[in-house]
PDB file of N, CA and C in Angstrom:
ATOM      1  N   MET A   1       0.848  -1.191   0.000  1.00  0.00           N
ATOM      2  CA  MET A   1       0.000   0.000   0.000  1.00  0.00           C
ATOM      3  C   MET A   1       0.887   1.246   0.000  1.00  0.00           C
ATOM      4  N   SER A   2       0.596   2.144  -0.922  1.00  0.00           N
ATOM      5  CA  SER A   2       1.408   3.352  -0.994  1.00  0.00           C
ATOM      6  C   SER A   2       1.072   4.295   0.154  1.00  0.00           C
ATOM      7  N   LEU A   3       1.976   5.203   0.399  1.00  0.00           N
ATOM      8  CA  LEU A   3       1.794   6.158   1.492  1.00  0.00           C
ATOM      9  C   LEU A   3       0.555   7.016   1.246  1.00  0.00           C
ATOM     10  N   LEU A   4       0.358   7.395  -0.011  1.00  0.00           N
ATOM     11  CA  LEU A   4      -0.785   8.234  -0.369  1.00  0.00           C
ATOM     12  C   LEU A   4      -2.093   7.506  -0.085  1.00  0.00           C
ATOM     13  N   ALA A   5      -2.135   6.242  -0.473  1.00  0.00           N
ATOM     14  CA  ALA A   5      -3.343   5.444  -0.248  1.00  0.00           C
ATOM     15  C   ALA A   5      -3.593   5.264   1.243  1.00  0.00           C
ATOM     16  N   LYS A   6      -2.513   5.104   1.996  1.00  0.00           N
ATOM     17  CA  LYS A   6      -2.635   4.948   3.446  1.00  0.00           C
ATOM     18  C   LYS A   6      -3.229   6.207   4.064  1.00  0.00           C
ATOM     19  N   ASN A   7      -2.702   7.364   3.649  1.00  0.00           N
ATOM     20  CA  ASN A   7      -3.204   8.637   4.168  1.00  0.00           C
ATOM     21  C   ASN A   7      -4.663   8.838   3.810  1.00  0.00           C
ATOM     22  N   LYS A   8      -5.002   8.455   2.572  1.00  0.00           N
ATOM     23  CA  LYS A   8      -6.382   8.601   2.111  1.00  0.00           C
ATOM     24  C   LYS A   8      -7.314   7.770   2.970  1.00  0.00           C
ATOM     25  N   ALA A   9      -6.915   6.544   3.246  1.00  0.00           N
ATOM     26  CA  ALA A   9      -7.739   5.640   4.044  1.00  0.00           C
ATOM     27  C   ALA A   9      -7.892   6.185   5.460  1.00  0.00           C
ATOM     28  N   LYS A  10      -6.802   6.719   5.991  1.00  0.00           N
ATOM     29  CA  LYS A  10      -6.826   7.263   7.349  1.00  0.00           C
ATOM     30  C   LYS A  10      -7.763   8.466   7.419  1.00  0.00           C
ATOM     31  N   ASN A  11      -7.633   9.369   6.454  1.00  0.00           N
ATOM     32  CA  ASN A  11      -8.481  10.560   6.434  1.00  0.00           C
ATOM     33  C   ASN A  11      -9.940  10.181   6.262  1.00  0.00           C
ATOM     34  N   TYR A  12     -10.181   9.173   5.439  1.00  0.00           N
ATOM     35  CA  TYR A  12     -11.553   8.721   5.197  1.00  0.00           C
ATOM     36  C   TYR A  12     -12.170   8.217   6.497  1.00  0.00           C
ATOM     37  N   THR A  13     -11.392   7.436   7.235  1.00  0.00           N
ATOM     38  CA  THR A  13     -11.876   6.888   8.504  1.00  0.00           C
ATOM     39  C   THR A  13     -12.153   8.005   9.497  1.00  0.00           C
ATOM     40  N   ILE A  14     -11.231   8.963   9.574  1.00  0.00           N
ATOM     41  CA  ILE A  14     -11.399  10.088  10.500  1.00  0.00           C
ATOM     42  C   ILE A  14     -12.654  10.877  10.146  1.00  0.00           C
ATOM     43  N   ASN A  15     -12.841  11.142   8.844  1.00  0.00           N
ATOM     44  CA  ASN A  15     -14.014  11.896   8.408  1.00  0.00           C
ATOM     45  C   ASN A  15     -15.289  11.146   8.710  1.00  0.00           C
ATOM     46  N   LEU A  16     -15.250   9.839   8.520  1.00  0.00           N
ATOM     47  CA  LEU A  16     -16.419   9.003   8.761  1.00  0.00           C
ATOM     48  C   LEU A  16     -16.793   9.051  10.241  1.00  0.00           C
ATOM     49  N   VAL A  17     -15.790   8.877  11.095  1.00  0.00           N
ATOM     50  CA  VAL A  17     -16.015   8.902  12.543  1.00  0.00           C
ATOM     51  C   VAL A  17     -16.523  10.276  12.959  1.00  0.00           C
ATOM     52  N   PHE A  18     -15.925  11.320  12.378  1.00  0.00           N
ATOM     53  CA  PHE A  18     -16.318  12.685  12.716  1.00  0.00           C
ATOM     54  C   PHE A  18     -17.773  12.936  12.332  1.00  0.00           C
ATOM     55  N   LYS A  19     -18.146  12.472  11.132  1.00  0.00           N
ATOM     56  CA  LYS A  19     -19.524  12.639  10.664  1.00  0.00           C
ATOM     57  C   LYS A  19     -20.492  11.918  11.580  1.00  0.00           C
ATOM     58  N   LEU A  20     -20.140  10.692  11.934  1.00  0.00           N
ATOM     59  CA  LEU A  20     -21.001   9.901  12.816  1.00  0.00           C
ATOM     60  C   LEU A  20     -21.127  10.593  14.164  1.00  0.00           C
ATOM     61  N   ASP A  21     -19.998  11.072  14.667  1.00  0.00           N
ATOM     62  CA  ASP A  21     -19.977  11.740  15.965  1.00  0.00           C
ATOM     63  C   ASP A  21     -20.870  12.976  15.939  1.00  0.00           C
ATOM     64  N   LYS A  22     -20.778  13.721  14.835  1.00  0.00           N
ATOM     65  CA  LYS A  22     -21.565  14.935  14.710  1.00  0.00           C
ATOM     66  C   LYS A  22     -23.053  14.631  14.705  1.00  0.00           C
ATOM     67  N   SER A  23     -23.448  13.624  13.941  1.00  0.00           N
ATOM     68  CA  SER A  23     -24.871  13.292  13.864  1.00  0.00           C
ATOM     69  C   SER A  23     -25.357  12.710  15.188  1.00  0.00           C
ATOM     70  N   ASN A  24     -24.483  11.977  15.868  1.00  0.00           N
ATOM     71  CA  ASN A  24     -24.853  11.417  17.169  1.00  0.00           C
ATOM     72  C   ASN A  24     -25.078  12.526  18.182  1.00  0.00           C
ATOM     73  N   ARG A  25     -24.195  13.515  18.163  1.00  0.00           N
ATOM     74  CA  ARG A  25     -24.322  14.631  19.093  1.00  0.00           C
ATOM     75  C   ARG A  25     -25.603  15.394  18.810  1.00  0.00           C
ATOM     76  N   GLY A  26     -25.941  15.529  17.527  1.00  0.00           N
ATOM     77  CA  GLY A  26     -27.161  16.234  17.144  1.00  0.00           C
ATOM     78  C   GLY A  26     -28.387  15.538  17.681  1.00  0.00           C
ATOM     79  N   SER A  27     -28.441  14.224  17.517  1.00  0.00           N
ATOM     80  CA  SER A  27     -29.618  13.490  17.978  1.00  0.00           C
ATOM     81  C   SER A  27     -29.659  13.433  19.502  1.00  0.00           C
ATOM     82  N   LEU A  28     -28.490  13.416  20.114  1.00  0.00           N
ATOM     83  CA  LEU A  28     -28.434  13.409  21.579  1.00  0.00           C
ATOM     84  C   LEU A  28     -28.957  14.744  22.114  1.00  0.00           C
ATOM     85  N   ALA A  29     -28.546  15.836  21.478  1.00  0.00           N
ATOM     86  CA  ALA A  29     -29.002  17.163  21.891  1.00  0.00           C
ATOM     87  C   ALA A  29     -30.510  17.277  21.713  1.00  0.00           C
ATOM     88  N   ASN A  30     -31.017  16.731  20.615  1.00  0.00           N
ATOM     89  CA  ASN A  30     -32.462  16.758  20.375  1.00  0.00           C
ATOM     90  C   ASN A  30     -33.190  15.956  21.431  1.00  0.00           C
ATOM     91  N   TYR A  31     -32.622  14.830  21.789  1.00  0.00           N
ATOM     92  CA  TYR A  31     -33.225  13.948  22.792  1.00  0.00           C
ATOM     93  C   TYR A  31     -33.311  14.669  24.136  1.00  0.00           C
ATOM     94  N   VAL A  32     -32.213  15.307  24.513  1.00  0.00           N
ATOM     95  CA  VAL A  32     -32.169  16.026  25.790  1.00  0.00           C
ATOM     96  C   VAL A  32     -33.166  17.180  25.767  1.00  0.00           C
ATOM     97  N   ARG A  33     -33.217  17.892  24.640  1.00  0.00           N
ATOM     98  CA  ARG A  33     -34.131  19.020  24.516  1.00  0.00           C
ATOM     99  C   ARG A  33     -35.574  18.543  24.642  1.00  0.00           C
ATOM    100  N   LYS A  34     -35.845  17.397  24.028  1.00  0.00           N
ATOM    101  CA  LYS A  34     -37.191  16.826  24.068  1.00  0.00           C
ATOM    102  C   LYS A  34     -37.548  16.445  25.502  1.00  0.00           C
ATOM    103  N   ARG A  35     -36.593  15.836  26.191  1.00  0.00           N
ATOM    104  CA  ARG A  35     -36.821  15.423  27.581  1.00  0.00           C
ATOM    105  C   ARG A  35     -37.118  16.656  28.444  1.00  0.00           C
ATOM    106  N   GLU A  36     -36.366  17.730  28.212  1.00  0.00           N
ATOM    107  CA  GLU A  36     -36.542  18.944  29.012  1.00  0.00           C
ATOM    108  C   GLU A  36     -37.895  19.578  28.743  1.00  0.00           C
ATOM    109  N   SER A  37     -38.296  19.620  27.470  1.00  0.00           N
ATOM    110  CA  SER A  37     -39.583  20.233  27.148  1.00  0.00           C
ATOM    111  C   SER A  37     -40.728  19.348  27.639  1.00  0.00           C
ATOM    112  N   ASP A  38     -40.514  18.041  27.667  1.00  0.00           N
ATOM    113  CA  ASP A  38     -41.535  17.136  28.200  1.00  0.00           C
ATOM    114  C   ASP A  38     -41.687  17.357  29.699  1.00  0.00           C
ATOM    115  N   GLY A  39     -40.584  17.654  30.352  1.00  0.00           N
ATOM    116  CA  GLY A  39     -40.605  17.844  31.795  1.00  0.00           C
ATOM    117  C   GLY A  39     -41.311  19.132  32.201  1.00  0.00           C
ATOM    118  N   GLU A  40     -41.318  20.121  31.295  1.00  0.00           N
ATOM    119  CA  GLU A  40     -41.939  21.408  31.610  1.00  0.00           C
ATOM    120  C   GLU A  40     -43.457  21.336  31.581  1.00  0.00           C
ATOM    121  N   LYS A  41     -43.995  20.372  30.851  1.00  0.00           N
ATOM    122  CA  LYS A  41     -45.454  20.270  30.689  1.00  0.00           C
ATOM    123  C   LYS A  41     -46.143  19.940  31.996  1.00  0.00           C
TER     124      LYS A  41
END
């Protein structure tokens, strides 16, 4: 495996994890917000 291909694979994995992390945080924030608004009722 060439160095370039290795870097590409590494960056791809990092981006994938970052994207997943971002969407997870978004849904977690929504969940917490929903719980808080449910508690106010």
